[in-house]
């Protein structure tokens, strides 16, 4: 995989460089609540612009259905990118049409343009190779060189991620090079004890990675909504908590296999419950109580791991030399159910080892709860991509960058 350093050494002055970024930021009424992914691509964009490239930044945002949809416009992300760069950024109101060509044709060396949401064109996400390839051809007409730097999308076989890289000289940006280097530390040269904390809503989203980790990790700490399928598999009452009944057999098998393999699966000893899901808009105080994990009332819903569990999980992370965390421990967006996630985040900070926050809601929790991002070894920009890499899957966007 060639990197941007090699591209810069070859020279980019006056060349049109297409940067596939990940600007898929949380957006509500045109306001960005977390610009982490925009900041993550800055080193690549700044280096190319400084070297005299005409930089074309492209990304998806949200899930429009293959046609323009104003609520998913990349304009707010383009404006934020300009603020962070400290200079104007041109914005094209289409992806491969006249506006995109005009924006690119108007660039001087060192200038930057952002084209509209790639998913406004059905060819971006099409499962038909021909349709996807045709859209990639139209994107390729905008540029001379391709730089892949949207790590959060590399697990997708999309036109701008996979097909376009094969049509132009291609290089990995700084972000992708960093992300791949970090993930290799979690797979190829692991320092032990290796502890993985997994949370989030659905256990089905994590089954494949748990399957792999049972042969690699020393401890798995389970929290979030997915933990109640584990507790149900152990025969516990879980009240009205989130559960995936169809996954109980798989979870039971994993619990048995972990014991045979000497892998410790740590489940909460207490949970924070309430009669109903909290109001995340007003964040009004809810009727939260803490109960033992094996004594949940039938009419209550589990929404966070309890304080004793937070202390337990921190103790299991205290001697870790390698830590990977993906998924919050509870409904961290509400203050009544954020303490479990805070405890795990703080334990990562206190850990002497190499700590990786696996993107998605975990990264959002770190920022929302006010932790210093620099206190962690690495905060990934791609939750799904990180998990699929750890599962041992081939990621199309990385495979396309390899020669």
Foldseek 3Di string as FASTA:
>chain_A
DAAVVVVVVVAAAAFEEEEEFAQQADADPLDGPDRVRLVLCVVQLQVQLVRFHAYEYEYAYDADQAADDVRGWCVSVQVVNCVVSVHHEAEFAAQLDPSLLVSLVPTGGSHHYYYIHPSNHVLFQDPDPVSVLVVLVSNLVSGAEYEYEHLQCLQGCTSNQFNNLQVHHYHYYPNVVVVVVVLCCVPPPDDPQEEEEEEDADVVLQLLLLVLCLQPHQEYEYAYLHLVLLLVLVVAQAAPGRYDVVCSVSSVVSVVSSVVSNRHYHYAQKFKKAQDDDDLPVLPDGPIDMDTSRDDDNRIYTFARDPVRLVVVLVVQAAGQHYEYEHARGPCSRVVHNVSRVSNVVSQLNHPHAYEYQADVNVVSCVVVPHDCVSHNYYHNHNSSSSCVSSVDDRSSVVSNDD
